[in-house]
Amino acid sequence: MLGIAAMFAVKILVDRNIGMAATPQFKFQSVPSPVRDDAAAGSTLTLIAGSLDSNSAALTALTDGAVPTDEDQPAQNVFFKSASWGGRVRMDFGTRIDIAQINSYSWHPDSRAPQLYKVFAGDESDPNFNPAPSSKLDPAACGWKLIAFVDAHSPDPDDEGGQYGVSIRD
């Protein structure tokens, strides 16, 4: 499980669909399709740093299981202001749970398709724990453990559009 005390490496799978393979069903070779009723569906999401783009969906789009039906539907996707450093979103499950995998999805015709993010797990028993580290604080210095760093960008910057699925697994 992706427990906070885990000291092992996680596996990060990245699948990409382009052209006719990119469909509203989000079917990938290795990454499972989105689901509506998982642990994330009951979580509380909080924007703790950064700003969402004015065209972005609300944070609940990250956990509702709904996906875009086309490659360019900003209102169906969560994304931060353009030309910004990004942001931080906290997902609170209300209680400590074991997580076997984290899946994320994106679809865009151009450079906004690839996913780029870090996943941390918070350790409330850490005396330095800060539940909302600002953009100036390293989460690892205030009770958060780095679980994964995802960068789905292509080595060729002119070849980044499409539909992406990422699965972080133990």
N, C-alpha and C. Protein backbone atom coordinates (compact mmCIF):
# COMPACT_ATOMS: atom_id res chain seq x y z
N MET A 1 0.83 -1.18 0.00
CA MET A 1 0.00 0.00 0.00
C MET A 1 0.87 1.25 0.00
N LEU A 2 0.32 2.35 -0.44
CA LEU A 2 1.07 3.60 -0.46
C LEU A 2 0.99 4.28 0.91
N GLY A 3 1.40 3.57 1.94
CA GLY A 3 1.38 4.11 3.29
C GLY A 3 2.49 5.14 3.47
N ILE A 4 2.34 6.00 4.48
CA ILE A 4 3.32 7.04 4.67
C ILE A 4 4.67 6.46 5.08
N ALA A 5 4.65 5.38 5.80
CA ALA A 5 5.90 4.81 6.27
C ALA A 5 6.59 3.97 5.20
N ALA A 6 5.97 3.86 4.05
CA ALA A 6 6.55 3.02 2.99
C ALA A 6 7.91 3.56 2.57
N MET A 7 8.87 2.69 2.52
CA MET A 7 10.21 3.09 2.13
C MET A 7 10.62 2.38 0.84
N PHE A 8 9.65 1.99 0.05
CA PHE A 8 9.92 1.29 -1.20
C PHE A 8 9.54 2.18 -2.36
N ALA A 9 10.03 1.81 -3.51
CA ALA A 9 9.72 2.59 -4.72
C ALA A 9 8.35 2.21 -5.26
N VAL A 10 7.62 3.19 -5.72
CA VAL A 10 6.36 2.92 -6.38
C VAL A 10 6.61 2.81 -7.87
N LYS A 11 5.67 2.19 -8.55
CA LYS A 11 5.75 2.07 -10.01
C LYS A 11 4.82 3.11 -10.61
N ILE A 12 5.32 3.85 -11.59
CA ILE A 12 4.51 4.86 -12.28
C ILE A 12 4.34 4.41 -13.72
N LEU A 13 3.09 4.17 -14.10
CA LEU A 13 2.77 3.79 -15.47
C LEU A 13 2.15 4.99 -16.18
N VAL A 14 2.60 5.25 -17.39
CA VAL A 14 2.05 6.34 -18.20
C VAL A 14 1.62 5.75 -19.53
N ASP A 15 0.35 5.91 -19.87
CA ASP A 15 -0.17 5.50 -21.17
C ASP A 15 -0.65 6.74 -21.91
N ARG A 16 -0.53 6.70 -23.24
CA ARG A 16 -0.96 7.83 -24.06
C ARG A 16 -1.73 7.31 -25.26
N ASN A 17 -2.88 7.91 -25.49
CA ASN A 17 -3.68 7.64 -26.68
C ASN A 17 -3.63 8.86 -27.58
N ILE A 18 -3.43 8.64 -28.87
CA ILE A 18 -3.47 9.75 -29.83
C ILE A 18 -4.39 9.37 -30.98
N GLY A 19 -4.85 10.39 -31.69
CA GLY A 19 -5.71 10.16 -32.84
C GLY A 19 -7.00 9.45 -32.45
N MET A 20 -7.38 8.45 -33.23
CA MET A 20 -8.65 7.73 -33.03
C MET A 20 -8.64 6.88 -31.75
N ALA A 21 -7.48 6.62 -31.19
CA ALA A 21 -7.40 5.84 -29.95
C ALA A 21 -7.87 6.65 -28.74
N ALA A 22 -7.88 7.97 -28.85
CA ALA A 22 -8.34 8.84 -27.76
C ALA A 22 -9.85 8.98 -27.85
N THR A 23 -10.55 8.32 -26.93
CA THR A 23 -12.02 8.32 -26.92
C THR A 23 -12.53 8.74 -25.54
N PRO A 24 -13.81 9.09 -25.43
CA PRO A 24 -14.38 9.46 -24.13
C PRO A 24 -14.36 8.32 -23.10
N GLN A 25 -14.08 7.10 -23.53
CA GLN A 25 -14.02 5.98 -22.59
C GLN A 25 -12.68 5.90 -21.85
N PHE A 26 -11.69 6.64 -22.30
CA PHE A 26 -10.37 6.65 -21.66
C PHE A 26 -9.85 5.22 -21.44
N LYS A 27 -9.81 4.43 -22.49
CA LYS A 27 -9.29 3.06 -22.43
C LYS A 27 -7.80 3.09 -22.75
N PHE A 28 -7.00 2.54 -21.85
CA PHE A 28 -5.55 2.53 -22.02
C PHE A 28 -5.02 1.10 -21.96
N GLN A 29 -3.79 0.94 -22.40
CA GLN A 29 -3.15 -0.37 -22.40
C GLN A 29 -2.90 -0.87 -20.97
N SER A 30 -2.37 -0.04 -20.09
CA SER A 30 -2.00 -0.47 -18.74
C SER A 30 -2.72 0.26 -17.62
N VAL A 31 -3.17 1.47 -17.87
CA VAL A 31 -3.82 2.28 -16.85
C VAL A 31 -5.32 2.02 -16.89
N PRO A 32 -5.94 1.73 -15.72
CA PRO A 32 -7.39 1.50 -15.72
C PRO A 32 -8.17 2.76 -16.09
N SER A 33 -9.36 2.56 -16.64
CA SER A 33 -10.24 3.68 -16.98
C SER A 33 -10.76 4.33 -15.70
N PRO A 34 -11.17 5.60 -15.77
CA PRO A 34 -11.70 6.28 -14.59
C PRO A 34 -12.95 5.59 -14.04
N VAL A 35 -13.13 5.71 -12.72
CA VAL A 35 -14.32 5.18 -12.04
C VAL A 35 -14.92 6.29 -11.19
N ARG A 36 -16.19 6.12 -10.85
CA ARG A 36 -16.89 7.14 -10.06
C ARG A 36 -16.86 6.86 -8.56
N ASP A 37 -16.81 5.60 -8.16
CA ASP A 37 -16.98 5.25 -6.76
C ASP A 37 -15.69 4.65 -6.19
N ASP A 38 -14.73 5.51 -5.90
CA ASP A 38 -13.48 5.04 -5.30
C ASP A 38 -13.24 5.86 -4.03
N ALA A 39 -12.12 5.64 -3.37
CA ALA A 39 -11.83 6.35 -2.12
C ALA A 39 -11.80 7.86 -2.32
N ALA A 40 -11.35 8.32 -3.46
CA ALA A 40 -11.26 9.76 -3.72
C ALA A 40 -12.64 10.41 -3.77
N ALA A 41 -13.66 9.66 -4.17
CA ALA A 41 -15.00 10.23 -4.32
C ALA A 41 -15.53 10.80 -3.00
N GLY A 42 -15.13 10.24 -1.88
CA GLY A 42 -15.60 10.73 -0.59
C GLY A 42 -14.64 11.66 0.11
N SER A 43 -13.59 12.06 -0.56
CA SER A 43 -12.57 12.91 0.07
C SER A 43 -12.96 14.39 0.00
N THR A 44 -12.29 15.17 0.82
CA THR A 44 -12.45 16.62 0.80
C THR A 44 -11.22 17.23 0.14
N LEU A 45 -11.44 18.04 -0.87
CA LEU A 45 -10.34 18.68 -1.60
C LEU A 45 -10.22 20.14 -1.19
N THR A 46 -8.97 20.57 -0.99
CA THR A 46 -8.70 21.95 -0.62
C THR A 46 -7.53 22.48 -1.43
N LEU A 47 -7.70 23.63 -2.03
CA LEU A 47 -6.60 24.30 -2.72
C LEU A 47 -5.78 25.00 -1.64
N ILE A 48 -4.54 24.54 -1.43
CA ILE A 48 -3.73 25.11 -0.34
C ILE A 48 -2.65 26.07 -0.84
N ALA A 49 -2.39 26.07 -2.14
CA ALA A 49 -1.43 27.02 -2.71
C ALA A 49 -1.69 27.14 -4.20
N GLY A 50 -1.43 28.30 -4.76
CA GLY A 50 -1.64 28.52 -6.19
C GLY A 50 -3.06 28.97 -6.48
N SER A 51 -3.34 29.17 -7.77
CA SER A 51 -4.66 29.63 -8.21
C SER A 51 -5.10 28.84 -9.43
N LEU A 52 -6.36 28.41 -9.41
CA LEU A 52 -6.90 27.75 -10.59
C LEU A 52 -7.10 28.77 -11.70
N ASP A 53 -6.96 28.33 -12.92
CA ASP A 53 -7.24 29.17 -14.08
C ASP A 53 -8.73 29.50 -14.10
N SER A 54 -9.09 30.65 -14.62
CA SER A 54 -10.51 31.05 -14.66
C SER A 54 -11.35 30.11 -15.54
N ASN A 55 -10.72 29.37 -16.44
CA ASN A 55 -11.44 28.42 -17.28
C ASN A 55 -11.47 27.01 -16.70
N SER A 56 -10.81 26.80 -15.58
CA SER A 56 -10.72 25.48 -14.96
C SER A 56 -12.04 25.07 -14.33
N ALA A 57 -12.24 23.77 -14.26
CA ALA A 57 -13.36 23.23 -13.48
C ALA A 57 -13.05 23.40 -12.00
N ALA A 58 -14.03 23.19 -11.16
CA ALA A 58 -13.82 23.20 -9.71
C ALA A 58 -13.01 21.97 -9.32
N LEU A 59 -12.41 21.99 -8.14
CA LEU A 59 -11.59 20.87 -7.68
C LEU A 59 -12.35 19.54 -7.67
N THR A 60 -13.66 19.59 -7.48
CA THR A 60 -14.44 18.35 -7.44
C THR A 60 -14.34 17.54 -8.73
N ALA A 61 -13.94 18.18 -9.82
CA ALA A 61 -13.75 17.45 -11.08
C ALA A 61 -12.63 16.42 -10.97
N LEU A 62 -11.77 16.57 -9.97
CA LEU A 62 -10.69 15.60 -9.77
C LEU A 62 -11.19 14.27 -9.20
N THR A 63 -12.36 14.30 -8.58
CA THR A 63 -12.82 13.10 -7.88
C THR A 63 -14.21 12.62 -8.28
N ASP A 64 -14.84 13.27 -9.23
CA ASP A 64 -16.22 12.90 -9.57
C ASP A 64 -16.34 11.75 -10.55
N GLY A 65 -15.23 11.28 -11.10
CA GLY A 65 -15.26 10.16 -12.04
C GLY A 65 -15.69 10.54 -13.44
N ALA A 66 -16.13 11.77 -13.64
CA ALA A 66 -16.53 12.23 -14.97
C ALA A 66 -15.27 12.64 -15.74
N VAL A 67 -15.31 12.44 -17.03
CA VAL A 67 -14.16 12.80 -17.87
C VAL A 67 -14.64 13.61 -19.07
N PRO A 68 -13.75 14.35 -19.70
CA PRO A 68 -14.13 15.10 -20.90
C PRO A 68 -14.55 14.15 -22.02
N THR A 69 -15.39 14.65 -22.90
CA THR A 69 -15.81 13.85 -24.06
C THR A 69 -15.08 14.27 -25.32
N ASP A 70 -14.21 15.28 -25.19
CA ASP A 70 -13.45 15.79 -26.32
C ASP A 70 -12.09 16.28 -25.81
N GLU A 71 -11.18 16.52 -26.73
CA GLU A 71 -9.80 16.86 -26.35
C GLU A 71 -9.60 18.27 -25.82
N ASP A 72 -10.56 19.16 -26.00
CA ASP A 72 -10.36 20.53 -25.55
C ASP A 72 -11.60 21.04 -24.84
N GLN A 73 -11.78 20.62 -23.60
CA GLN A 73 -12.91 21.03 -22.78
C GLN A 73 -12.38 21.54 -21.44
N PRO A 74 -11.88 22.76 -21.40
CA PRO A 74 -11.28 23.28 -20.18
C PRO A 74 -12.20 23.19 -18.96
N ALA A 75 -13.49 23.42 -19.14
CA ALA A 75 -14.42 23.41 -18.01
C ALA A 75 -14.62 22.02 -17.43
N GLN A 76 -14.09 20.99 -18.06
CA GLN A 76 -14.19 19.62 -17.55
C GLN A 76 -12.88 19.17 -16.89
N ASN A 77 -11.90 20.06 -16.83
CA ASN A 77 -10.57 19.72 -16.33
C ASN A 77 -10.12 20.72 -15.28
N VAL A 78 -9.28 20.26 -14.36
CA VAL A 78 -8.71 21.14 -13.35
C VAL A 78 -7.29 21.50 -13.77
N PHE A 79 -7.01 22.80 -13.81
CA PHE A 79 -5.66 23.24 -14.14
C PHE A 79 -5.41 24.62 -13.54
N PHE A 80 -4.14 24.88 -13.29
CA PHE A 80 -3.74 26.13 -12.65
C PHE A 80 -3.54 27.23 -13.69
N LYS A 81 -3.45 28.46 -13.20
CA LYS A 81 -3.26 29.61 -14.09
C LYS A 81 -2.06 29.38 -15.00
N SER A 82 -2.23 29.79 -16.24
CA SER A 82 -1.16 29.70 -17.23
C SER A 82 0.02 30.56 -16.79
N ALA A 83 1.21 30.10 -17.10
CA ALA A 83 2.46 30.80 -16.79
C ALA A 83 2.68 30.94 -15.28
N SER A 84 2.08 30.05 -14.49
CA SER A 84 2.31 30.07 -13.05
C SER A 84 3.14 28.85 -12.67
N TRP A 85 3.56 28.77 -11.43
CA TRP A 85 4.33 27.63 -10.95
C TRP A 85 3.43 26.41 -10.73
N GLY A 86 2.13 26.60 -10.77
CA GLY A 86 1.19 25.51 -10.51
C GLY A 86 0.48 25.74 -9.20
N GLY A 87 0.36 24.71 -8.40
CA GLY A 87 -0.33 24.85 -7.13
C GLY A 87 -0.30 23.56 -6.34
N ARG A 88 -1.01 23.57 -5.22
CA ARG A 88 -1.09 22.39 -4.36
C ARG A 88 -2.54 22.16 -3.97
N VAL A 89 -2.93 20.90 -4.06
CA VAL A 89 -4.27 20.48 -3.68
C VAL A 89 -4.12 19.41 -2.60
N ARG A 90 -4.84 19.58 -1.49
CA ARG A 90 -4.84 18.56 -0.44
C ARG A 90 -6.11 17.73 -0.56
N MET A 91 -5.94 16.42 -0.51
CA MET A 91 -7.05 15.49 -0.53
C MET A 91 -7.11 14.84 0.85
N ASP A 92 -8.19 15.09 1.58
CA ASP A 92 -8.34 14.58 2.94
C ASP A 92 -9.42 13.50 2.94
N PHE A 93 -9.04 12.31 3.38
CA PHE A 93 -9.97 11.18 3.41
C PHE A 93 -10.73 11.10 4.73
N GLY A 94 -10.41 11.98 5.68
CA GLY A 94 -11.12 11.99 6.95
C GLY A 94 -10.55 11.02 7.96
N THR A 95 -9.87 10.02 7.49
CA THR A 95 -9.23 9.02 8.34
C THR A 95 -8.07 8.42 7.57
N ARG A 96 -7.19 7.77 8.27
CA ARG A 96 -6.05 7.13 7.59
C ARG A 96 -6.55 5.92 6.82
N ILE A 97 -6.16 5.83 5.55
CA ILE A 97 -6.55 4.69 4.71
C ILE A 97 -5.32 4.16 3.97
N ASP A 98 -5.42 2.92 3.52
CA ASP A 98 -4.40 2.35 2.66
C ASP A 98 -4.80 2.62 1.22
N ILE A 99 -3.84 3.01 0.41
CA ILE A 99 -4.09 3.31 -0.99
C ILE A 99 -3.20 2.42 -1.84
N ALA A 100 -3.80 1.63 -2.70
CA ALA A 100 -3.04 0.71 -3.55
C ALA A 100 -2.59 1.38 -4.84
N GLN A 101 -3.38 2.34 -5.33
CA GLN A 101 -2.98 3.05 -6.55
C GLN A 101 -3.69 4.38 -6.64
N ILE A 102 -3.05 5.28 -7.37
CA ILE A 102 -3.61 6.60 -7.67
C ILE A 102 -3.60 6.73 -9.18
N ASN A 103 -4.75 7.03 -9.76
CA ASN A 103 -4.86 7.17 -11.21
C ASN A 103 -5.27 8.59 -11.56
N SER A 104 -4.70 9.13 -12.62
CA SER A 104 -5.06 10.48 -13.08
C SER A 104 -5.11 10.49 -14.60
N TYR A 105 -5.89 11.44 -15.13
CA TYR A 105 -6.18 11.45 -16.57
C TYR A 105 -6.15 12.88 -17.10
N SER A 106 -5.77 13.02 -18.36
CA SER A 106 -5.79 14.33 -19.02
C SER A 106 -6.00 14.12 -20.52
N TRP A 107 -6.52 15.18 -21.16
CA TRP A 107 -6.77 15.11 -22.61
C TRP A 107 -6.74 16.53 -23.16
N HIS A 108 -5.81 16.78 -24.06
CA HIS A 108 -5.68 18.10 -24.68
C HIS A 108 -4.94 17.91 -26.01
N PRO A 109 -5.23 18.75 -27.01
CA PRO A 109 -4.59 18.58 -28.32
C PRO A 109 -3.14 19.05 -28.37
N ASP A 110 -2.65 19.67 -27.29
CA ASP A 110 -1.32 20.29 -27.37
C ASP A 110 -0.55 20.09 -26.06
N SER A 111 0.23 21.09 -25.69
CA SER A 111 1.18 20.97 -24.59
C SER A 111 0.56 20.84 -23.21
N ARG A 112 -0.73 21.07 -23.06
CA ARG A 112 -1.38 20.91 -21.75
C ARG A 112 -1.79 19.47 -21.46
N ALA A 113 -1.59 18.58 -22.39
CA ALA A 113 -1.99 17.19 -22.18
C ALA A 113 -1.11 16.44 -21.18
N PRO A 114 0.22 16.53 -21.29
CA PRO A 114 1.06 15.75 -20.38
C PRO A 114 0.88 16.19 -18.92
N GLN A 115 0.91 15.22 -18.04
CA GLN A 115 0.73 15.50 -16.61
C GLN A 115 2.09 15.72 -15.94
N LEU A 116 2.11 16.66 -15.01
CA LEU A 116 3.32 16.98 -14.26
C LEU A 116 2.91 17.31 -12.83
N TYR A 117 3.25 16.44 -11.88
CA TYR A 117 2.88 16.68 -10.49
C TYR A 117 3.66 15.78 -9.54
N LYS A 118 3.60 16.13 -8.26
CA LYS A 118 4.17 15.32 -7.19
C LYS A 118 3.04 14.89 -6.27
N VAL A 119 3.15 13.69 -5.73
CA VAL A 119 2.19 13.18 -4.76
C VAL A 119 2.91 13.04 -3.42
N PHE A 120 2.35 13.66 -2.40
CA PHE A 120 2.86 13.55 -1.04
C PHE A 120 1.79 12.93 -0.16
N ALA A 121 2.21 12.26 0.90
CA ALA A 121 1.28 11.76 1.93
C ALA A 121 1.64 12.48 3.22
N GLY A 122 0.63 12.97 3.92
CA GLY A 122 0.85 13.70 5.15
C GLY A 122 0.93 12.78 6.35
N ASP A 123 1.82 13.11 7.28
CA ASP A 123 1.99 12.34 8.51
C ASP A 123 1.67 13.25 9.69
N GLU A 124 0.42 13.18 10.15
CA GLU A 124 -0.02 14.06 11.23
C GLU A 124 0.71 13.81 12.54
N SER A 125 1.36 12.65 12.68
CA SER A 125 2.10 12.37 13.92
C SER A 125 3.46 13.07 13.94
N ASP A 126 3.90 13.58 12.81
CA ASP A 126 5.17 14.31 12.74
C ASP A 126 5.01 15.65 13.47
N PRO A 127 5.89 15.96 14.43
CA PRO A 127 5.74 17.22 15.17
C PRO A 127 5.85 18.47 14.28
N ASN A 128 6.45 18.33 13.11
CA ASN A 128 6.56 19.46 12.18
C ASN A 128 5.43 19.51 11.16
N PHE A 129 4.42 18.67 11.33
CA PHE A 129 3.36 18.57 10.31
C PHE A 129 2.64 19.90 10.13
N ASN A 130 2.55 20.31 8.87
CA ASN A 130 1.82 21.51 8.47
C ASN A 130 0.82 21.05 7.42
N PRO A 131 -0.49 21.11 7.71
CA PRO A 131 -1.48 20.58 6.77
C PRO A 131 -1.63 21.40 5.48
N ALA A 132 -1.08 22.61 5.46
CA ALA A 132 -1.23 23.47 4.28
C ALA A 132 0.06 24.23 4.00
N PRO A 133 1.12 23.52 3.58
CA PRO A 133 2.38 24.23 3.30
C PRO A 133 2.23 25.18 2.12
N SER A 134 2.69 26.41 2.32
CA SER A 134 2.60 27.42 1.26
C SER A 134 3.57 27.07 0.13
N SER A 135 3.50 27.83 -0.92
CA SER A 135 4.37 27.60 -2.08
C SER A 135 5.85 27.81 -1.73
N LYS A 136 6.12 28.50 -0.65
CA LYS A 136 7.50 28.76 -0.25
C LYS A 136 8.07 27.67 0.64
N LEU A 137 7.25 26.72 1.07
CA LEU A 137 7.70 25.64 1.95
C LEU A 137 7.83 24.33 1.19
N ASP A 138 8.87 23.59 1.50
CA ASP A 138 9.04 22.25 0.97
C ASP A 138 8.17 21.32 1.80
N PRO A 139 7.17 20.66 1.21
CA PRO A 139 6.31 19.77 1.99
C PRO A 139 7.10 18.70 2.77
N ALA A 140 8.21 18.24 2.21
CA ALA A 140 9.01 17.22 2.88
C ALA A 140 9.62 17.73 4.18
N ALA A 141 9.72 19.04 4.35
CA ALA A 141 10.28 19.62 5.57
C ALA A 141 9.21 19.86 6.63
N CYS A 142 7.95 19.60 6.29
CA CYS A 142 6.89 19.86 7.27
C CYS A 142 5.89 18.71 7.35
N GLY A 143 6.43 17.49 7.45
CA GLY A 143 5.58 16.34 7.74
C GLY A 143 4.95 15.64 6.57
N TRP A 144 5.38 15.93 5.37
CA TRP A 144 4.85 15.27 4.18
C TRP A 144 5.94 14.38 3.57
N LYS A 145 5.55 13.20 3.12
CA LYS A 145 6.49 12.26 2.50
C LYS A 145 6.22 12.19 1.01
N LEU A 146 7.28 12.37 0.20
CA LEU A 146 7.13 12.28 -1.25
C LEU A 146 6.86 10.83 -1.63
N ILE A 147 5.74 10.60 -2.33
CA ILE A 147 5.37 9.27 -2.80
C ILE A 147 5.78 9.08 -4.25
N ALA A 148 5.53 10.10 -5.09
CA ALA A 148 5.83 9.95 -6.52
C ALA A 148 6.01 11.32 -7.17
N PHE A 149 6.83 11.33 -8.21
CA PHE A 149 6.99 12.49 -9.08
C PHE A 149 6.62 12.04 -10.48
N VAL A 150 5.58 12.64 -11.04
CA VAL A 150 5.07 12.26 -12.36
C VAL A 150 5.42 13.36 -13.35
N ASP A 151 6.05 12.97 -14.45
CA ASP A 151 6.32 13.89 -15.56
C ASP A 151 6.08 13.11 -16.84
N ALA A 152 4.92 13.33 -17.46
CA ALA A 152 4.52 12.57 -18.65
C ALA A 152 4.90 13.28 -19.95
N HIS A 153 5.73 14.29 -19.88
CA HIS A 153 6.14 15.00 -21.10
C HIS A 153 6.95 14.10 -22.01
N SER A 154 6.77 14.28 -23.29
CA SER A 154 7.52 13.56 -24.32
C SER A 154 8.90 14.19 -24.44
N PRO A 155 9.91 13.41 -24.82
CA PRO A 155 11.21 14.01 -25.09
C PRO A 155 11.15 15.01 -26.25
N ASP A 156 10.15 14.84 -27.11
CA ASP A 156 9.95 15.75 -28.25
C ASP A 156 8.86 16.76 -27.89
N PRO A 157 9.21 18.02 -27.61
CA PRO A 157 8.21 19.00 -27.19
C PRO A 157 7.14 19.29 -28.24
N ASP A 158 7.36 18.88 -29.47
CA ASP A 158 6.35 19.08 -30.51
C ASP A 158 5.38 17.91 -30.60
N ASP A 159 5.54 16.93 -29.72
CA ASP A 159 4.71 15.72 -29.75
C ASP A 159 4.15 15.45 -28.36
N GLU A 160 3.24 16.33 -27.89
CA GLU A 160 2.73 16.18 -26.54
C GLU A 160 1.22 16.06 -26.43
N GLY A 161 0.48 16.37 -27.46
CA GLY A 161 -0.97 16.30 -27.37
C GLY A 161 -1.46 14.87 -27.25
N GLY A 162 -2.72 14.76 -26.86
CA GLY A 162 -3.34 13.44 -26.76
C GLY A 162 -4.02 13.24 -25.41
N GLN A 163 -4.29 11.99 -25.15
CA GLN A 163 -4.99 11.58 -23.94
C GLN A 163 -4.00 10.78 -23.08
N TYR A 164 -3.86 11.18 -21.83
CA TYR A 164 -2.89 10.53 -20.95
C TYR A 164 -3.60 9.88 -19.76
N GLY A 165 -3.10 8.74 -19.38
CA GLY A 165 -3.50 8.07 -18.16
C GLY A 165 -2.25 7.75 -17.37
N VAL A 166 -2.27 8.06 -16.08
CA VAL A 166 -1.13 7.78 -15.21
C VAL A 166 -1.63 6.93 -14.05
N SER A 167 -0.88 5.90 -13.70
CA SER A 167 -1.21 5.07 -12.55
C SER A 167 0.03 4.94 -11.67
N ILE A 168 -0.11 5.36 -10.43
CA ILE A 168 0.95 5.23 -9.42
C ILE A 168 0.55 4.04 -8.57
N ARG A 169 1.41 3.03 -8.51
CA ARG A 169 1.07 1.78 -7.81
C ARG A 169 2.19 1.37 -6.87
N ASP A 170 1.81 0.59 -5.87
CA ASP A 170 2.84 0.06 -4.98
C ASP A 170 3.42 -1.22 -5.53
